[in-house]
Amino acid sequence: MKKIFFYFLFAGITISYLACKQANSDQDLSLFNKDSLTQHIKMLASDSFQGRKPFSIGEIKAVDYIQNTFKNLGLEPGNGNSFIQDVPLVEITPNPDAVMKVQSPKGNFELQKTTDFVISTNKTDSLISLKNDELIFAGYGVVAPEYNWNDYAGIDVKGKVVLVLVNDPGFGVDTTIFKGNTMTYYGRWTYKYEEAARQGAKACLIIHNTAAASYPFNVVQNSWGSSNLYLDEKGSTEPHLALQGWVSADAAKKLFAAAGKDTSLIVSANKNTFKAVSLNEKLSLNVKVKSTFNVSHNVIAKITGTKRPDEYVIYTAHWDHFGIGKKDEKGDSIYNGAIDNASGTAALLEMARVFKESKNKPERTVVFLSVTAEEQGLLGSAYYAAHPVYPLNKTVADINMDGINAFEKTNDITITGAGQNDLEDYVTEFGKAQGRYIAPEAHPEAGHYYRSDHFSFAKVGVPALDCSGGIDVVGKGKEYGKKLEDDYTANRYHRPADEFDPKWTFEGGLQDMQLLFSVGKKLANESTWPQWKTGSEFKAIRDKSK
């Protein structure tokens, strides 16, 4: 009888504990507040913040607003005694010659600036030149040991110009290698430049292809070759190219034809037996460079863990946008960035409030990091990753919020870059609890996993998550949701029209925030660590850091 009594007593205590735990969890989720969320968005996206461009009045206002909100919530400073992390940046304006001169076995010719090529640099030398530098075709410019792939094997490219293809080997040709039509980081243009620099190349030019790049050449023409921000890396020992850029598909054809090559050379680059080859061509180009140095700011707050304070779960969102720019058809020149990313910043502030007001304090430290200059190339998060306030090998995960669903709830969730790490399993678990399912990415070939701030953490081995509500709107279906998505992309994305709309319900955004809170709360209270999945290009980095 005693055994039976103690059995039922234990069972009763367990049931009571689980019920209490569930009640506390439900109570936490109920703390999310639409009015609080929208108030933050209205303020951050107001005209008075002038589009929140780094180094502007908008930066000062945004940083002050975020910092003061953290203080008023009672959060601790996240960088020692400060809420601020300085981010040294440099604005570089290249001014290349009107033509790039080409010497080839079949005669000399010229490529036209903007029409045939665009060029940039992150070096601050006042003049950078190509002087009859040899051109090497290096396939996709990939060195990927896990795929038994090395496009640079057997060739020395030191001091030379490398010509490479965009996306991964096999794209559109052979889906059995790499990840088929899902882009890995090896396919991203940033990787191409990094690897070429590691190989000692002087310059790297990427051959544009609309399908492989996921955008037309005019996007490159509009965004490259003008002033851009970069991390100020004075004193850095990291290798950098002197010049980097793109050539159009037509310009690439001219280069191949003048070298006596045809498209069969490009086709051969999709085999791991490919060998890089010299095109026996020499390139010449002068680029004048103007540099301006300045300092922007990340904003960091934290809630110290009760049991494992030296282990960290980080939430990120970028506060910046494009400031004041070209007028639209309505004469508006302020790029308010209401969705991108006042909404994500507001979600970060709400996430901090809910964690702070929760009765159950996190066992691990939870960090709230609002970063600068995402729109200029993930610079704020990249700086943090290179100069972490908290050790990367003690950082459990990063959960990123870049744009919050302004509309109704959805039945589906889309995970950016699915197949990378265990955080996706957490999303599946809590999504199921919401009655939702995981939908595949619409365009995995576009490499969206490498385009927002979570990637800066992935790149240094920290499991990183970016996910959002899909298009299967509750009660209205996928067609309705797709129209909403397409309308935003066509008419608001990176345009002055991305302004706060009082008709926005943010029901879907709150649903997604509750899910990401549940993911972060589980991470903050468990003792295990999420891992990179087998096949991820970031697994080896994390494994080495342990």
Protein backbone atom coordinates (compact mmCIF):
# COMPACT_ATOMS: atom_id res chain seq x y z
CA MET A 1 0.00 0.00 0.00
CA LYS A 2 2.88 2.37 0.79
CA LYS A 3 4.33 1.80 -2.68
CA ILE A 4 0.98 2.58 -4.27
CA PHE A 5 0.60 5.67 -2.10
CA PHE A 6 4.02 7.05 -3.04
CA TYR A 7 3.44 6.21 -6.70
CA PHE A 8 0.25 8.27 -6.79
CA LEU A 9 1.87 11.03 -4.73
CA PHE A 10 4.79 11.24 -7.17
CA ALA A 11 2.45 11.14 -10.16
CA GLY A 12 0.34 13.89 -8.65
CA ILE A 13 3.36 16.11 -8.02
CA THR A 14 4.64 15.50 -11.56
CA ILE A 15 1.27 16.34 -13.12
CA SER A 16 1.00 19.43 -10.95
CA TYR A 17 4.51 20.54 -11.92
CA LEU A 18 3.87 20.05 -15.64
CA ALA A 19 0.55 21.86 -15.41
CA CYS A 20 2.22 24.75 -13.61
CA LYS A 21 5.03 24.84 -16.16
CA GLN A 22 2.52 24.91 -19.03
CA ALA A 23 0.52 27.66 -17.28
CA ASN A 24 3.66 29.76 -16.88
CA SER A 25 4.57 29.19 -20.52
CA ASP A 26 1.09 30.23 -21.68
CA GLN A 27 1.29 33.26 -19.40
CA ASP A 28 4.58 34.31 -20.98
CA LEU A 29 3.12 34.08 -24.48
CA SER A 30 0.15 36.20 -23.43
CA LEU A 31 2.54 39.02 -22.50
CA PHE A 32 3.15 39.87 -26.16
CA ASN A 33 1.23 43.02 -26.97
CA LYS A 34 0.22 44.39 -30.36
CA ASP A 35 -0.09 47.98 -29.11
CA SER A 36 3.39 47.92 -27.64
CA LEU A 37 4.82 46.40 -30.83
CA THR A 38 3.13 48.87 -33.18
CA GLN A 39 4.08 51.85 -31.01
CA HIS A 40 7.75 50.96 -31.44
CA ILE A 41 7.32 50.52 -35.20
CA LYS A 42 5.50 53.84 -35.59
CA MET A 43 8.29 55.64 -33.80
CA LEU A 44 11.23 53.94 -35.51
CA ALA A 45 9.63 54.29 -38.96
CA SER A 46 8.49 57.89 -38.49
CA ASP A 47 9.77 60.63 -40.79
CA SER A 48 11.60 62.20 -37.85
CA PHE A 49 13.99 59.20 -37.85
CA GLN A 50 14.85 59.99 -41.49
CA GLY A 51 15.20 56.37 -42.58
CA ARG A 52 17.76 55.39 -39.90
CA LYS A 53 20.86 55.53 -42.10
CA PRO A 54 24.21 55.03 -40.34
CA PHE A 55 26.08 58.32 -39.59
CA SER A 56 22.88 60.37 -39.87
CA ILE A 57 20.55 62.06 -37.39
CA GLY A 58 18.42 58.97 -37.91
CA GLU A 59 21.14 56.79 -36.39
CA ILE A 60 21.42 59.02 -33.32
CA LYS A 61 17.64 58.88 -32.79
CA ALA A 62 17.35 55.14 -33.39
CA VAL A 63 20.28 54.21 -31.13
CA ASP A 64 18.99 56.50 -28.36
CA TYR A 65 15.48 55.09 -28.65
CA ILE A 66 16.62 51.46 -28.49
CA GLN A 67 19.06 52.11 -25.65
CA ASN A 68 16.50 54.04 -23.59
CA THR A 69 13.88 51.35 -24.14
CA PHE A 70 16.29 48.69 -22.85
CA LYS A 71 17.06 50.88 -19.83
CA ASN A 72 13.38 51.54 -19.08
CA LEU A 73 12.68 47.80 -19.25
CA GLY A 74 15.29 47.27 -16.55
CA LEU A 75 17.69 45.27 -18.72
CA GLU A 76 21.40 45.21 -17.97
CA PRO A 77 23.96 46.85 -20.28
CA GLY A 78 25.25 44.25 -22.71
CA ASN A 79 28.79 45.55 -23.22
CA GLY A 80 30.34 45.93 -19.79
CA ASN A 81 28.76 49.04 -18.30
CA SER A 82 27.51 50.22 -21.68
CA PHE A 83 24.61 49.42 -23.98
CA ILE A 84 26.75 50.48 -26.96
CA GLN A 85 29.32 48.70 -29.09
CA ASP A 86 31.20 51.03 -31.42
CA VAL A 87 31.44 49.78 -35.02
CA PRO A 88 34.24 51.49 -36.99
CA LEU A 89 33.31 51.76 -40.66
CA VAL A 90 34.74 53.32 -43.78
CA GLU A 91 32.79 54.72 -46.73
CA ILE A 92 34.64 53.92 -49.95
CA THR A 93 33.84 55.55 -53.29
CA PRO A 94 35.60 53.98 -56.30
CA ASN A 95 35.96 55.90 -59.55
CA PRO A 96 37.20 53.51 -62.26
CA ASP A 97 38.30 54.35 -65.80
CA ALA A 98 35.54 54.35 -68.39
CA VAL A 99 37.00 51.22 -69.99
CA MET A 100 38.88 48.11 -68.97
CA LYS A 101 41.57 47.29 -71.54
CA VAL A 102 41.99 43.66 -72.60
CA GLN A 103 44.99 42.20 -74.43
CA SER A 104 44.17 38.80 -75.95
CA PRO A 105 45.65 36.29 -78.43
CA LYS A 106 43.06 37.47 -80.95
CA GLY A 107 43.68 41.19 -80.54
CA ASN A 108 43.01 43.98 -78.07
CA PHE A 109 39.59 45.30 -77.11
CA GLU A 110 37.83 47.22 -74.35
CA LEU A 111 35.06 46.49 -71.86
CA GLN A 112 32.78 49.41 -70.98
CA LYS A 113 32.20 50.49 -67.39
CA THR A 114 28.68 49.72 -66.11
CA THR A 115 27.58 48.12 -69.39
CA ASP A 116 30.15 45.32 -69.34
CA PHE A 117 31.61 45.45 -65.86
CA VAL A 118 31.18 46.96 -62.42
CA ILE A 119 34.04 47.21 -59.98
CA SER A 120 34.48 47.88 -56.29
CA THR A 121 37.07 47.65 -53.55
CA ASN A 122 37.26 47.57 -49.78
CA LYS A 123 40.81 48.92 -49.81
CA THR A 124 41.47 52.57 -49.04
CA ASP A 125 44.50 53.19 -51.28
CA SER A 126 43.92 56.37 -53.29
CA LEU A 127 44.74 54.58 -56.57
CA ILE A 128 44.37 50.88 -57.37
CA SER A 129 45.39 49.52 -60.75
CA LEU A 130 45.39 46.44 -62.89
CA LYS A 131 48.49 46.61 -65.11
CA ASN A 132 48.44 43.93 -67.76
CA ASP A 133 47.47 41.39 -65.08
CA GLU A 134 46.83 37.83 -66.22
CA LEU A 135 43.25 36.50 -66.30
CA ILE A 136 42.57 32.99 -64.94
CA PHE A 137 39.25 31.16 -65.34
CA ALA A 138 38.79 29.25 -62.06
CA GLY A 139 35.39 27.66 -62.60
CA TYR A 140 33.17 28.40 -59.59
CA GLY A 141 36.11 29.53 -57.45
CA VAL A 142 35.23 26.97 -54.78
CA VAL A 143 37.36 25.05 -52.28
CA ALA A 144 34.99 22.67 -50.44
CA PRO A 145 36.71 19.67 -48.81
CA GLU A 146 33.40 18.12 -47.73
CA TYR A 147 32.38 17.95 -51.40
CA ASN A 148 35.85 16.88 -52.59
CA TRP A 149 36.03 20.07 -54.65
CA ASN A 150 38.95 22.42 -55.29
CA ASP A 151 38.80 24.76 -58.26
CA TYR A 152 42.22 26.17 -57.39
CA ALA A 153 44.07 22.87 -57.31
CA GLY A 154 47.24 22.88 -59.37
CA ILE A 155 47.29 26.56 -60.29
CA ASP A 156 48.94 29.62 -58.78
CA VAL A 157 46.73 32.73 -58.95
CA LYS A 158 48.88 34.99 -56.77
CA GLY A 159 48.81 38.53 -58.13
CA LYS A 160 46.44 37.56 -60.96
CA VAL A 161 42.80 38.24 -61.84
CA VAL A 162 40.37 35.37 -61.28
CA LEU A 163 37.21 34.96 -63.37
CA VAL A 164 34.54 32.74 -61.74
CA LEU A 165 30.93 31.64 -62.10
CA VAL A 166 28.18 32.58 -59.66
CA ASN A 167 26.30 30.01 -57.53
CA ASP A 168 27.40 26.42 -56.77
CA PRO A 169 28.98 23.85 -59.06
CA GLY A 170 26.21 21.95 -60.82
CA PHE A 171 23.64 24.75 -60.66
CA GLY A 172 21.11 24.15 -63.42
CA VAL A 173 23.21 21.26 -64.75
CA ASP A 174 23.68 18.54 -62.14
CA THR A 175 21.52 18.51 -59.00
CA THR A 176 23.39 15.52 -57.52
CA ILE A 177 26.36 17.60 -56.37
CA PHE A 178 26.51 20.12 -53.52
CA LYS A 179 22.86 20.76 -52.51
CA GLY A 180 21.30 20.73 -55.95
CA ASN A 181 19.39 23.94 -56.58
CA THR A 182 19.70 25.04 -52.94
CA MET A 183 22.59 27.49 -52.74
CA THR A 184 25.34 26.81 -50.21
CA TYR A 185 27.67 29.53 -49.00
CA TYR A 186 30.15 28.40 -51.64
CA GLY A 187 27.76 29.80 -54.23
CA ARG A 188 27.44 33.24 -52.64
CA TRP A 189 29.36 36.08 -54.27
CA THR A 190 30.92 37.12 -50.96
CA TYR A 191 32.51 33.68 -50.63
CA LYS A 192 33.98 33.90 -54.14
CA TYR A 193 35.88 37.06 -53.20
CA GLU A 194 36.99 35.70 -49.83
CA GLU A 195 38.37 32.50 -51.36
CA ALA A 196 40.10 34.33 -54.20
CA ALA A 197 41.78 36.57 -51.61
CA ARG A 198 42.86 33.54 -49.59
CA GLN A 199 44.41 32.15 -52.77
CA GLY A 200 46.42 35.36 -53.19
CA ALA A 201 44.57 36.73 -56.23
CA LYS A 202 44.82 40.43 -56.96
CA ALA A 203 41.24 40.72 -58.22
CA CYS A 204 38.15 38.59 -58.78
CA LEU A 205 35.41 39.07 -61.35
CA ILE A 206 32.16 37.08 -61.20
CA ILE A 207 30.31 36.22 -64.41
CA HIS A 208 26.72 37.31 -63.98
CA ASN A 209 23.84 34.95 -64.74
CA THR A 210 20.32 36.02 -63.82
CA ALA A 211 19.03 32.58 -62.83
CA ALA A 212 22.15 31.67 -60.87
CA ALA A 213 22.41 35.04 -59.12
CA SER A 214 18.61 35.29 -58.62
CA TYR A 215 18.58 38.90 -59.83
CA PRO A 216 19.23 40.67 -63.16
CA PHE A 217 22.44 42.49 -64.03
CA ASN A 218 20.79 45.88 -63.52
CA VAL A 219 20.64 45.13 -59.78
CA VAL A 220 24.42 44.79 -59.83
CA GLN A 221 24.76 47.94 -61.92
CA ASN A 222 22.62 49.93 -59.46
CA SER A 223 24.21 48.70 -56.24
CA TRP A 224 27.89 48.40 -57.17
CA GLY A 225 30.42 50.98 -58.22
CA SER A 226 29.04 53.75 -56.00
CA SER A 227 29.77 54.64 -52.38
CA ASN A 228 29.50 51.72 -50.00
CA LEU A 229 30.26 51.11 -46.34
CA TYR A 230 32.76 48.51 -45.19
CA LEU A 231 34.23 47.52 -41.86
CA ASP A 232 37.27 49.60 -41.02
CA GLU A 233 39.86 46.85 -40.89
CA LYS A 234 43.03 48.84 -40.34
CA GLY A 235 45.59 46.50 -38.84
CA SER A 236 43.69 43.37 -39.90
CA THR A 237 45.75 40.44 -41.15
CA GLU A 238 42.87 39.04 -43.20
CA PRO A 239 43.68 38.88 -46.94
CA HIS A 240 41.73 41.18 -49.23
CA LEU A 241 41.48 41.61 -52.96
CA ALA A 242 42.67 44.84 -54.52
CA LEU A 243 39.54 44.89 -56.72
CA GLN A 244 36.36 42.88 -56.96
CA GLY A 245 33.40 43.04 -59.27
CA TRP A 246 31.15 41.50 -61.90
CA VAL A 247 31.13 41.15 -65.67
CA SER A 248 27.98 40.73 -67.72
CA ALA A 249 27.22 37.48 -69.52
CA ASP A 250 27.92 39.21 -72.86
CA ALA A 251 31.27 40.54 -71.63
CA ALA A 252 32.22 37.04 -70.45
CA LYS A 253 31.44 35.70 -73.93
CA LYS A 254 33.79 38.29 -75.41
CA LEU A 255 36.55 37.27 -73.01
CA PHE A 256 36.13 33.56 -73.76
CA ALA A 257 35.90 34.09 -77.52
CA ALA A 258 39.01 36.27 -77.59
CA ALA A 259 40.84 33.50 -75.71
CA GLY A 260 39.73 30.91 -78.26
CA LYS A 261 37.35 29.26 -75.78
CA ASP A 262 33.64 28.45 -75.96
CA THR A 263 30.83 27.41 -73.60
CA SER A 264 32.26 23.91 -73.26
CA LEU A 265 34.78 25.39 -70.82
CA ILE A 266 31.94 26.60 -68.59
CA VAL A 267 30.22 23.22 -68.80
CA SER A 268 33.44 21.49 -67.75
CA ALA A 269 33.48 23.58 -64.55
CA ASN A 270 30.58 21.48 -63.27
CA LYS A 271 32.83 18.42 -62.84
CA ASN A 272 35.24 17.95 -59.96
CA THR A 273 37.87 17.02 -62.53
CA PHE A 274 37.86 20.65 -63.74
CA LYS A 275 41.22 22.42 -63.79
CA ALA A 276 41.55 26.20 -63.73
CA VAL A 277 43.10 27.62 -66.90
CA SER A 278 44.77 30.82 -67.97
CA LEU A 279 42.89 32.65 -70.72
CA ASN A 280 46.19 34.20 -71.89
CA GLU A 281 44.59 37.61 -71.57
CA LYS A 282 45.87 40.70 -69.72
CA LEU A 283 43.63 43.29 -68.03
CA SER A 284 44.39 46.95 -67.34
CA LEU A 285 42.27 49.37 -65.31
CA ASN A 286 42.82 52.34 -62.99
CA VAL A 287 40.48 52.98 -60.06
CA LYS A 288 40.67 56.18 -58.02
CA VAL A 289 39.41 55.74 -54.47
CA LYS A 290 37.99 58.19 -51.93
CA SER A 291 37.67 57.01 -48.30
CA THR A 292 35.82 58.50 -45.32
CA PHE A 293 36.11 56.95 -41.85
CA ASN A 294 33.38 57.06 -39.21
CA VAL A 295 31.88 55.07 -36.33
CA SER A 296 28.40 53.55 -36.13
CA HIS A 297 26.89 51.62 -33.23
CA ASN A 298 25.37 48.33 -32.19
CA VAL A 299 23.06 48.36 -29.15
CA ILE A 300 23.33 45.47 -26.67
CA ALA A 301 21.34 44.51 -23.57
CA LYS A 302 21.09 41.32 -21.54
CA ILE A 303 19.30 39.34 -18.85
CA THR A 304 21.86 37.37 -16.86
CA GLY A 305 21.16 33.65 -16.54
CA THR A 306 20.38 32.22 -13.11
CA LYS A 307 22.33 28.95 -13.43
CA ARG A 308 24.63 29.17 -16.46
CA PRO A 309 25.32 32.89 -16.84
CA ASP A 310 28.43 32.24 -18.97
CA GLU A 311 26.37 30.60 -21.75
CA TYR A 312 24.50 32.89 -24.13
CA VAL A 313 21.42 32.90 -26.34
CA ILE A 314 21.36 35.90 -28.66
CA TYR A 315 18.41 37.56 -30.41
CA THR A 316 19.35 39.92 -33.26
CA ALA A 317 17.64 42.51 -35.46
CA HIS A 318 19.12 45.36 -37.49
CA TRP A 319 17.96 48.90 -36.77
CA ASP A 320 19.27 50.58 -39.95
CA HIS A 321 17.71 51.37 -43.31
CA PHE A 322 18.58 53.59 -46.32
CA GLY A 323 17.92 57.08 -44.98
CA ILE A 324 16.96 59.80 -47.47
CA GLY A 325 17.44 58.97 -51.14
CA LYS A 326 15.91 59.06 -54.58
CA LYS A 327 12.30 60.28 -54.71
CA ASP A 328 9.56 57.85 -55.69
CA GLU A 329 6.61 58.53 -57.98
CA LYS A 330 4.83 60.31 -55.11
CA GLY A 331 7.77 62.59 -54.39
CA ASP A 332 8.68 60.82 -51.16
CA SER A 333 12.42 60.51 -50.51
CA ILE A 334 12.46 59.08 -46.94
CA TYR A 335 13.11 55.35 -46.86
CA ASN A 336 11.28 54.71 -43.58
CA GLY A 337 11.83 50.94 -43.51
CA ALA A 338 8.74 50.13 -41.46
CA ILE A 339 8.83 46.40 -42.16
CA ASP A 340 12.55 46.32 -43.00
CA ASN A 341 13.47 46.55 -40.24
CA ALA A 342 11.62 48.77 -37.78
CA SER A 343 9.34 45.76 -37.29
CA GLY A 344 12.22 43.43 -36.43
CA THR A 345 13.71 45.99 -34.06
CA ALA A 346 10.32 46.43 -32.40
CA ALA A 347 10.06 42.65 -32.11
CA LEU A 348 13.49 42.60 -30.43
CA LEU A 349 12.32 45.17 -27.89
CA GLU A 350 9.13 43.21 -27.28
CA MET A 351 11.11 39.98 -26.90
CA ALA A 352 13.27 41.69 -24.28
CA ARG A 353 10.21 42.95 -22.40
CA VAL A 354 8.55 39.54 -22.30
CA PHE A 355 11.71 37.79 -21.10
CA LYS A 356 12.13 40.48 -18.44
CA GLU A 357 8.50 40.23 -17.24
CA SER A 358 8.43 36.41 -17.26
CA LYS A 359 8.18 34.87 -13.77
CA ASN A 360 10.64 32.17 -14.82
CA LYS A 361 14.04 33.76 -15.31
CA PRO A 362 16.32 32.17 -17.92
CA GLU A 363 19.06 29.81 -16.74
CA ARG A 364 21.38 30.96 -19.52
CA THR A 365 22.05 34.63 -20.26
CA VAL A 366 19.80 36.05 -22.97
CA VAL A 367 21.32 38.83 -25.08
CA PHE A 368 19.40 41.32 -27.22
CA LEU A 369 21.59 42.72 -29.99
CA SER A 370 20.39 45.49 -32.32
CA VAL A 371 22.95 45.86 -35.11
CA THR A 372 23.89 48.57 -37.57
CA ALA A 373 24.57 48.58 -41.32
CA GLU A 374 22.83 45.37 -42.32
CA GLU A 375 21.72 47.02 -45.52
CA GLN A 376 25.37 47.79 -46.34
CA GLY A 377 26.48 44.17 -46.08
CA LEU A 378 25.68 42.79 -42.59
CA LEU A 379 28.43 45.02 -41.20
CA GLY A 380 27.21 45.48 -37.62
CA SER A 381 26.71 41.76 -37.05
CA ALA A 382 29.96 40.97 -38.88
CA TYR A 383 31.80 43.34 -36.55
CA TYR A 384 30.23 41.72 -33.51
CA ALA A 385 31.20 38.26 -34.81
CA ALA A 386 34.79 39.45 -35.29
CA HIS A 387 34.82 41.29 -31.92
CA PRO A 388 32.34 39.32 -29.78
CA VAL A 389 31.37 40.69 -26.40
CA TYR A 390 30.62 37.12 -25.33
CA PRO A 391 32.81 34.14 -26.32
CA LEU A 392 31.58 32.50 -29.51
CA ASN A 393 32.24 29.01 -28.16
CA LYS A 394 29.95 29.88 -25.25
CA THR A 395 27.25 31.30 -27.52
CA VAL A 396 24.51 28.69 -27.83
CA ALA A 397 22.61 30.15 -30.78
CA ASP A 398 21.50 33.26 -32.62
CA ILE A 399 17.84 33.91 -33.44
CA ASN A 400 17.41 36.66 -36.04
CA MET A 401 14.36 38.79 -36.82
CA ASP A 402 14.43 40.63 -40.13
CA GLY A 403 10.92 41.77 -41.03
CA ILE A 404 7.81 40.76 -39.07
CA ASN A 405 4.57 39.58 -40.69
CA ALA A 406 2.26 42.60 -40.67
CA PHE A 407 -0.82 40.61 -41.64
CA GLU A 408 -2.92 37.70 -40.42
CA LYS A 409 -1.72 34.43 -38.90
CA THR A 410 -0.43 31.72 -41.21
CA ASN A 411 -0.70 27.95 -41.15
CA ASP A 412 2.85 27.60 -42.42
CA ILE A 413 6.37 28.57 -41.40
CA THR A 414 9.29 29.01 -43.75
CA ILE A 415 12.80 28.28 -42.49
CA THR A 416 15.50 30.14 -44.41
CA GLY A 417 18.20 27.74 -45.61
CA ALA A 418 16.52 24.63 -44.19
CA GLY A 419 18.85 21.74 -43.42
CA GLN A 420 21.52 23.72 -41.59
CA ASN A 421 21.14 23.08 -37.85
CA ASP A 422 19.07 21.72 -34.96
CA LEU A 423 17.29 25.03 -34.35
CA GLU A 424 15.01 24.05 -37.20
CA ASP A 425 13.80 21.10 -35.13
CA TYR A 426 12.87 23.52 -32.32
CA VAL A 427 10.83 25.55 -34.82
CA THR A 428 9.08 22.39 -36.01
CA GLU A 429 8.25 21.45 -32.40
CA PHE A 430 6.79 24.80 -31.38
CA GLY A 431 5.21 25.36 -34.77
CA LYS A 432 3.35 22.07 -34.35
CA ALA A 433 2.13 23.28 -30.94
CA GLN A 434 0.65 26.27 -32.79
CA GLY A 435 -1.00 23.94 -35.31
CA ARG A 436 1.39 24.94 -38.10
CA TYR A 437 3.55 23.12 -40.62
CA ILE A 438 6.94 23.78 -42.21
CA ALA A 439 6.72 24.91 -45.84
CA PRO A 440 9.69 24.76 -48.22
CA GLU A 441 11.49 27.93 -49.25
CA ALA A 442 10.10 29.36 -52.47
CA HIS A 443 13.55 30.15 -53.91
CA PRO A 444 16.29 28.12 -52.20
CA GLU A 445 18.62 28.87 -55.10
CA ALA A 446 18.72 32.54 -54.05
CA GLY A 447 20.78 31.83 -50.93
CA HIS A 448 18.69 33.91 -48.51
CA TYR A 449 20.40 32.21 -45.55
CA TYR A 450 23.48 34.28 -46.39
CA ARG A 451 21.70 37.62 -46.67
CA SER A 452 20.80 38.67 -43.14
CA ASP A 453 22.50 39.08 -39.78
CA HIS A 454 22.15 35.50 -38.57
CA PHE A 455 24.68 34.57 -41.24
CA SER A 456 27.43 36.52 -39.48
CA PHE A 457 27.02 34.11 -36.58
CA ALA A 458 26.77 31.03 -38.78
CA LYS A 459 29.99 32.04 -40.49
CA VAL A 460 31.86 31.79 -37.18
CA GLY A 461 30.19 28.51 -36.22
CA VAL A 462 27.29 29.64 -34.02
CA PRO A 463 24.03 27.84 -34.94
CA ALA A 464 21.81 30.57 -36.36
CA LEU A 465 18.13 30.71 -37.21
CA ASP A 466 16.06 32.85 -39.54
CA CYS A 467 12.42 31.90 -40.11
CA SER A 468 9.08 33.56 -40.65
CA GLY A 469 5.43 32.99 -41.33
CA GLY A 470 4.66 31.69 -44.80
CA ILE A 471 1.88 32.52 -47.24
CA ASP A 472 -0.85 30.05 -46.19
CA VAL A 473 -3.00 32.66 -44.42
CA VAL A 474 -5.48 31.22 -41.94
CA GLY A 475 -8.95 31.19 -43.49
CA LYS A 476 -7.78 32.84 -46.73
CA GLY A 477 -5.24 30.47 -48.25
CA LYS A 478 -1.97 30.60 -50.16
CA GLU A 479 -3.14 32.68 -53.12
CA TYR A 480 -4.17 35.52 -50.82
CA GLY A 481 -0.89 35.30 -48.91
CA LYS A 482 1.15 35.25 -52.09
CA LYS A 483 -0.57 38.45 -53.27
CA LEU A 484 0.37 40.17 -50.00
CA GLU A 485 3.97 39.01 -50.35
CA ASP A 486 4.24 40.02 -54.00
CA ASP A 487 2.68 43.43 -53.33
CA TYR A 488 5.21 44.18 -50.60
CA THR A 489 8.14 43.05 -52.76
CA ALA A 490 7.01 45.02 -55.80
CA ASN A 491 5.77 48.20 -54.16
CA ARG A 492 7.36 48.60 -50.72
CA TYR A 493 10.60 46.62 -50.36
CA HIS A 494 13.57 49.02 -50.21
CA ARG A 495 11.34 51.87 -51.34
CA PRO A 496 9.96 55.00 -49.60
CA ALA A 497 6.54 53.27 -49.57
CA ASP A 498 7.71 50.96 -46.74
CA GLU A 499 5.85 53.15 -44.24
CA PHE A 500 3.69 52.23 -41.27
CA ASP A 501 0.15 51.27 -42.29
CA PRO A 502 -2.57 51.52 -39.61
CA LYS A 503 -4.43 48.68 -41.34
CA TRP A 504 -1.69 46.21 -40.43
CA THR A 505 -2.94 43.68 -37.88
CA PHE A 506 0.42 42.06 -36.97
CA GLU A 507 -1.50 38.94 -35.91
CA GLY A 508 0.96 36.86 -37.90
CA GLY A 509 3.94 38.75 -36.52
CA LEU A 510 2.84 38.17 -32.94
CA GLN A 511 2.29 34.49 -33.74
CA ASP A 512 5.86 34.26 -35.10
CA MET A 513 7.28 36.18 -32.14
CA GLN A 514 5.62 33.78 -29.71
CA LEU A 515 7.18 30.88 -31.59
CA LEU A 516 10.65 32.45 -31.51
CA PHE A 517 10.22 33.26 -27.83
CA SER A 518 9.45 29.60 -27.15
CA VAL A 519 12.53 28.54 -29.12
CA GLY A 520 14.75 30.96 -27.20
CA LYS A 521 13.23 30.07 -23.85
CA LYS A 522 13.94 26.38 -24.43
CA LEU A 523 17.50 27.17 -25.44
CA ALA A 524 17.92 29.39 -22.38
CA ASN A 525 16.73 26.73 -19.94
CA GLU A 526 18.21 23.50 -21.28
CA SER A 527 21.76 22.27 -20.73
CA THR A 528 22.25 20.73 -24.18
CA TRP A 529 23.61 22.58 -27.23
CA PRO A 530 22.06 22.70 -30.71
CA GLN A 531 24.36 21.32 -33.40
CA TRP A 532 24.99 21.87 -37.08
CA LYS A 533 23.58 19.12 -39.23
CA THR A 534 25.84 16.81 -41.23
CA GLY A 535 26.59 18.42 -44.57
CA SER A 536 26.41 22.01 -43.31
CA GLU A 537 29.35 24.10 -44.46
CA PHE A 538 29.54 25.59 -40.93
CA LYS A 539 29.73 22.36 -38.92
CA ALA A 540 33.54 22.10 -39.06
CA ILE A 541 33.96 25.65 -37.73
CA ARG A 542 31.85 24.90 -34.63
CA ASP A 543 33.52 21.55 -34.08
CA LYS A 544 36.95 23.20 -34.03
CA SER A 545 35.84 25.78 -31.45
CA LYS A 546 34.82 23.25 -28.80
